[in-house]
N, C-alpha and C. Protein backbone atom coordinates (compact mmCIF):
# COMPACT_ATOMS: atom_id res chain seq x y z
N MET A 1 113.21 81.82 164.20
CA MET A 1 113.40 80.85 162.73
C MET A 1 113.23 82.22 161.89
N THR A 2 111.89 82.85 161.81
CA THR A 2 111.26 83.85 161.57
C THR A 2 112.15 85.18 160.75
N ASP A 3 113.03 85.13 161.88
CA ASP A 3 114.15 86.05 161.56
C ASP A 3 114.72 86.17 160.68
N ASP A 4 115.43 84.59 160.52
CA ASP A 4 116.13 84.16 159.53
C ASP A 4 115.71 84.00 158.28
N ARG A 5 114.21 83.52 158.29
CA ARG A 5 113.62 83.45 157.28
C ARG A 5 113.53 84.96 156.18
N THR A 6 112.85 86.29 156.97
CA THR A 6 112.60 87.04 156.67
C THR A 6 114.43 88.44 156.18
N ALA A 7 115.18 87.57 157.02
CA ALA A 7 116.60 87.56 156.47
C ALA A 7 117.06 87.58 154.82
N GLN A 8 116.42 86.35 154.73
CA GLN A 8 116.95 85.21 153.69
C GLN A 8 116.28 85.82 152.58
N ILE A 9 115.11 86.32 152.93
CA ILE A 9 113.71 86.93 151.73
C ILE A 9 114.46 88.28 151.37
N GLY A 10 114.60 88.58 152.36
CA GLY A 10 115.50 90.38 152.14
C GLY A 10 116.66 90.04 151.25
N GLN A 11 117.29 88.99 151.68
CA GLN A 11 118.84 89.09 151.03
C GLN A 11 118.35 88.60 149.14
N LEU A 12 117.63 87.28 148.98
CA LEU A 12 117.20 87.60 148.04
C LEU A 12 116.53 88.29 146.92
N LEU A 13 115.49 89.32 147.56
CA LEU A 13 114.96 90.21 147.13
C LEU A 13 116.18 91.34 146.44
N ALA A 14 116.61 91.47 147.49
CA ALA A 14 118.33 91.89 146.73
C ALA A 14 118.99 91.94 145.56
N GLN A 15 118.89 90.40 145.98
CA GLN A 15 119.75 89.85 144.52
C GLN A 15 118.87 90.05 143.79
N LEU A 16 117.59 89.75 143.66
CA LEU A 16 117.03 90.02 142.07
C LEU A 16 116.97 91.32 141.93
N ALA A 17 116.76 92.26 142.56
CA ALA A 17 116.88 93.94 142.26
C ALA A 17 118.10 93.84 141.39
N THR A 18 119.00 93.09 141.81
CA THR A 18 120.36 93.88 140.86
C THR A 18 120.28 92.89 139.67
N LEU A 19 119.79 91.60 139.69
CA LEU A 19 120.29 91.40 138.58
C LEU A 19 118.78 91.82 138.02
N MET A 20 117.95 91.96 137.72
CA MET A 20 116.92 92.94 136.99
C MET A 20 117.46 94.30 136.45
N ALA A 21 118.12 94.53 137.47
CA ALA A 21 118.91 96.00 137.24
C ALA A 21 120.09 96.08 136.13
N ASP A 22 120.55 94.98 136.45
CA ASP A 22 121.46 94.55 135.42
C ASP A 22 121.18 94.07 134.05
N GLN A 23 120.00 93.62 133.63
CA GLN A 23 119.32 93.39 132.53
C GLN A 23 119.65 94.29 131.14
N PRO A 24 119.66 94.29 130.18
CA PRO A 24 119.24 95.58 129.24
C PRO A 24 117.82 95.51 129.07
N ALA A 25 117.15 96.84 128.60
CA ALA A 25 116.32 96.84 128.42
C ALA A 25 115.67 95.96 127.23
N PRO A 26 114.41 96.02 127.25
CA PRO A 26 113.75 94.89 126.25
C PRO A 26 113.69 95.70 125.14
N ARG A 27 114.33 95.23 123.98
CA ARG A 27 114.21 95.98 122.49
C ARG A 27 112.81 96.19 122.35
N GLU A 28 112.65 97.15 121.25
CA GLU A 28 111.04 96.89 120.79
C GLU A 28 111.59 96.26 119.08
N PRO A 29 110.36 95.49 119.09
CA PRO A 29 110.53 94.80 117.47
C PRO A 29 110.57 95.35 116.44
N GLU A 30 111.17 94.36 115.67
CA GLU A 30 111.51 95.77 114.13
C GLU A 30 110.05 95.15 113.77
N PRO A 31 109.72 96.52 112.52
CA PRO A 31 108.73 96.26 111.98
C PRO A 31 108.82 95.13 111.02
N ALA A 32 107.79 94.32 110.62
CA ALA A 32 108.19 93.26 109.50
C ALA A 32 107.84 93.84 108.29
N HIS A 33 109.11 93.77 107.31
CA HIS A 33 108.60 94.53 106.02
C HIS A 33 107.61 93.89 105.13
N ARG A 34 106.64 94.37 104.84
CA ARG A 34 106.00 93.78 104.27
C ARG A 34 105.93 94.48 102.98
N PRO A 35 105.16 93.65 101.54
CA PRO A 35 105.97 94.01 100.65
C PRO A 35 105.18 94.45 99.52
N ALA A 36 105.14 95.90 99.12
CA ALA A 36 104.18 96.57 98.27
C ALA A 36 102.93 96.05 97.44
N ARG A 37 101.76 96.41 98.05
CA ARG A 37 100.44 95.71 97.44
C ARG A 37 100.58 95.68 95.40
N VAL A 38 99.84 94.74 95.17
CA VAL A 38 100.00 94.89 93.72
C VAL A 38 98.98 94.94 93.22
N LEU A 39 97.69 94.44 94.08
CA LEU A 39 96.47 94.18 93.53
C LEU A 39 95.58 94.83 94.20
N PHE A 40 94.89 96.01 93.18
CA PHE A 40 93.64 96.41 94.58
C PHE A 40 92.57 96.52 93.99
N THR A 41 91.39 96.61 94.67
CA THR A 41 90.03 97.02 94.40
C THR A 41 89.76 97.77 93.41
N VAL A 42 88.37 98.00 93.33
CA VAL A 42 88.21 99.06 92.30
C VAL A 42 88.30 100.01 93.28
N GLU A 43 87.48 100.02 94.29
CA GLU A 43 87.31 101.21 95.32
C GLU A 43 88.40 101.45 95.11
N GLU A 44 89.98 100.74 96.49
CA GLU A 44 91.07 101.32 96.20
C GLU A 44 92.33 101.47 94.99
N ALA A 45 91.25 101.66 93.75
CA ALA A 45 92.20 101.90 92.49
C ALA A 45 91.78 102.97 92.45
N ALA A 46 90.25 103.83 92.73
CA ALA A 46 89.33 104.76 92.44
C ALA A 46 90.08 105.99 93.31
N GLU A 47 90.22 105.31 95.00
CA GLU A 47 90.74 106.27 95.99
C GLU A 47 92.17 106.90 95.28
N GLN A 48 92.83 105.75 95.06
CA GLN A 48 94.43 106.35 94.12
C GLN A 48 94.42 106.92 92.82
N LEU A 49 93.65 107.09 92.04
CA LEU A 49 93.04 108.15 91.05
C LEU A 49 92.56 108.68 91.25
N GLY A 50 91.83 109.27 92.40
CA GLY A 50 90.95 110.28 92.76
C GLY A 50 90.31 110.34 92.44
N ILE A 51 89.13 109.72 91.38
CA ILE A 51 87.94 109.48 90.73
C ILE A 51 86.95 108.61 91.69
N GLY A 52 85.43 108.57 91.55
CA GLY A 52 84.84 108.26 92.13
C GLY A 52 84.65 106.34 92.05
N LYS A 53 84.08 105.92 92.93
CA LYS A 53 84.20 104.51 92.46
C LYS A 53 83.24 103.68 91.41
N THR A 54 82.02 104.53 90.88
CA THR A 54 81.42 104.74 89.87
C THR A 54 81.77 105.04 88.72
N THR A 55 82.68 105.81 88.80
CA THR A 55 83.76 106.59 87.87
C THR A 55 84.54 105.29 87.24
N ALA A 56 85.28 104.78 87.85
CA ALA A 56 86.47 103.67 88.40
C ALA A 56 85.28 102.49 87.13
N TYR A 57 84.26 102.13 87.95
CA TYR A 57 83.71 100.63 87.38
C TYR A 57 83.02 100.83 86.17
N SER A 58 82.96 101.86 85.54
CA SER A 58 83.09 102.45 84.32
C SER A 58 84.01 102.43 83.39
N TYR A 59 85.29 102.57 83.54
CA TYR A 59 86.32 102.50 83.03
C TYR A 59 87.00 101.04 82.95
N VAL A 60 86.45 100.30 84.23
CA VAL A 60 86.62 98.77 84.00
C VAL A 60 85.86 97.96 83.16
N ARG A 61 84.33 98.46 82.99
CA ARG A 61 83.45 98.08 82.21
C ARG A 61 83.93 98.24 80.84
N THR A 62 84.63 99.38 80.32
CA THR A 62 84.79 99.82 79.13
C THR A 62 86.15 99.08 78.74
N GLY A 63 86.56 98.40 79.39
CA GLY A 63 87.91 98.56 79.38
C GLY A 63 89.64 99.13 79.08
N GLU A 64 89.06 100.31 79.66
CA GLU A 64 90.09 101.59 79.89
C GLU A 64 90.83 101.24 80.93
N LEU A 65 90.46 100.63 81.81
CA LEU A 65 91.40 100.15 83.04
C LEU A 65 90.60 98.84 82.82
N GLU A 66 92.18 98.49 82.82
CA GLU A 66 92.36 96.84 83.05
C GLU A 66 92.22 95.80 84.24
N SER A 67 91.85 94.67 84.00
CA SER A 67 91.26 94.52 85.48
C SER A 67 91.32 92.78 85.62
N VAL A 68 91.23 92.32 86.48
CA VAL A 68 90.86 90.92 86.56
C VAL A 68 89.91 90.13 87.28
N LEU A 69 89.81 88.84 87.48
CA LEU A 69 88.67 88.05 87.79
C LEU A 69 89.85 86.68 88.36
N ILE A 70 89.66 87.46 89.88
CA ILE A 70 90.04 86.17 90.96
C ILE A 70 89.08 85.20 91.18
N GLY A 71 88.38 84.54 91.03
CA GLY A 71 87.19 83.70 91.39
C GLY A 71 86.39 84.67 91.55
N ARG A 72 85.23 85.26 91.95
CA ARG A 72 84.45 86.35 91.96
C ARG A 72 84.65 87.64 92.51
N LEU A 73 86.22 87.89 92.42
CA LEU A 73 86.55 88.98 92.99
C LEU A 73 87.30 90.01 91.78
N ARG A 74 86.86 90.77 91.80
CA ARG A 74 87.76 91.83 90.29
C ARG A 74 88.95 92.56 91.11
N ARG A 75 89.97 92.75 90.68
CA ARG A 75 91.37 93.50 91.13
C ARG A 75 91.75 94.23 90.02
N ILE A 76 92.18 95.13 89.83
CA ILE A 76 93.27 96.15 89.50
C ILE A 76 94.50 96.16 89.85
N HIS A 77 95.65 95.41 88.81
CA HIS A 77 96.88 95.61 89.29
C HIS A 77 97.56 96.59 89.18
N ALA A 78 98.76 97.49 90.16
CA ALA A 78 99.31 98.19 90.42
C ALA A 78 99.69 99.28 88.34
N ASP A 79 100.00 98.12 88.00
CA ASP A 79 100.75 98.68 86.91
C ASP A 79 99.41 99.31 85.59
N ALA A 80 98.26 98.25 85.66
CA ALA A 80 97.52 98.59 85.00
C ALA A 80 96.54 100.33 85.47
N ILE A 81 96.87 100.62 86.76
CA ILE A 81 96.64 101.96 87.15
C ILE A 81 97.60 102.94 86.62
N ALA A 82 98.71 102.54 86.48
CA ALA A 82 99.83 103.77 86.25
C ALA A 82 99.51 103.45 84.74
N GLY A 83 99.25 102.51 84.10
CA GLY A 83 99.06 102.42 82.63
C GLY A 83 97.87 103.27 82.20
N PHE A 84 97.16 103.11 82.87
CA PHE A 84 95.85 104.07 82.70
C PHE A 84 96.13 105.65 83.03
N THR A 85 96.69 106.49 84.35
CA THR A 85 96.85 107.40 84.47
C THR A 85 97.94 108.02 83.39
N ALA A 86 98.95 107.33 82.69
CA ALA A 86 99.85 107.44 81.66
C ALA A 86 99.33 108.01 80.49
N ARG A 87 98.26 107.11 79.94
CA ARG A 87 97.13 107.42 78.81
C ARG A 87 96.56 108.35 78.66
N LEU A 88 95.81 109.09 80.32
CA LEU A 88 95.21 109.88 80.21
C LEU A 88 96.19 111.23 80.41
N VAL A 89 97.44 110.97 80.85
CA VAL A 89 97.72 112.28 80.49
C VAL A 89 98.48 112.49 79.03
N ALA A 90 98.49 111.44 78.23
CA ALA A 90 99.17 111.41 77.04
C ALA A 90 98.34 112.16 75.72
N LYS A 91 96.87 111.70 76.67
CA LYS A 91 95.67 111.61 75.74
C LYS A 91 95.60 113.75 76.08
N HIS A 92 95.95 114.29 77.12
CA HIS A 92 95.60 115.37 77.32
C HIS A 92 96.57 116.36 77.10
N ARG A 93 97.96 115.85 76.61
CA ARG A 93 98.77 116.42 75.80
C ARG A 93 99.00 116.65 74.82
N ALA A 94 98.48 115.51 74.07
CA ALA A 94 97.99 115.50 72.44
C ALA A 94 96.85 116.38 72.42
N ALA A 95 96.12 116.71 73.18
CA ALA A 95 95.13 117.49 72.99
C ALA A 95 95.17 119.06 72.70
């Protein structure tokens, strides 16, 4: 009886191997599309501007670099960063 059982298990393993070989390879999950960020910390804005965070905080304090408070968190909108750089460039072109 054990020889029959061994033969039966062998057949089942062969069928399983055939079924697994016929399976398509699993697809890599596609990366989720993440929208571009629009709000940045002062440190992140400073990094984007290529300036130190102390300088960035100074610009925020004077209002040259617009920011908003969300609760107790200060954030800078991407448009504010773009506007700040545009004003700097225009200012230096005029000089």
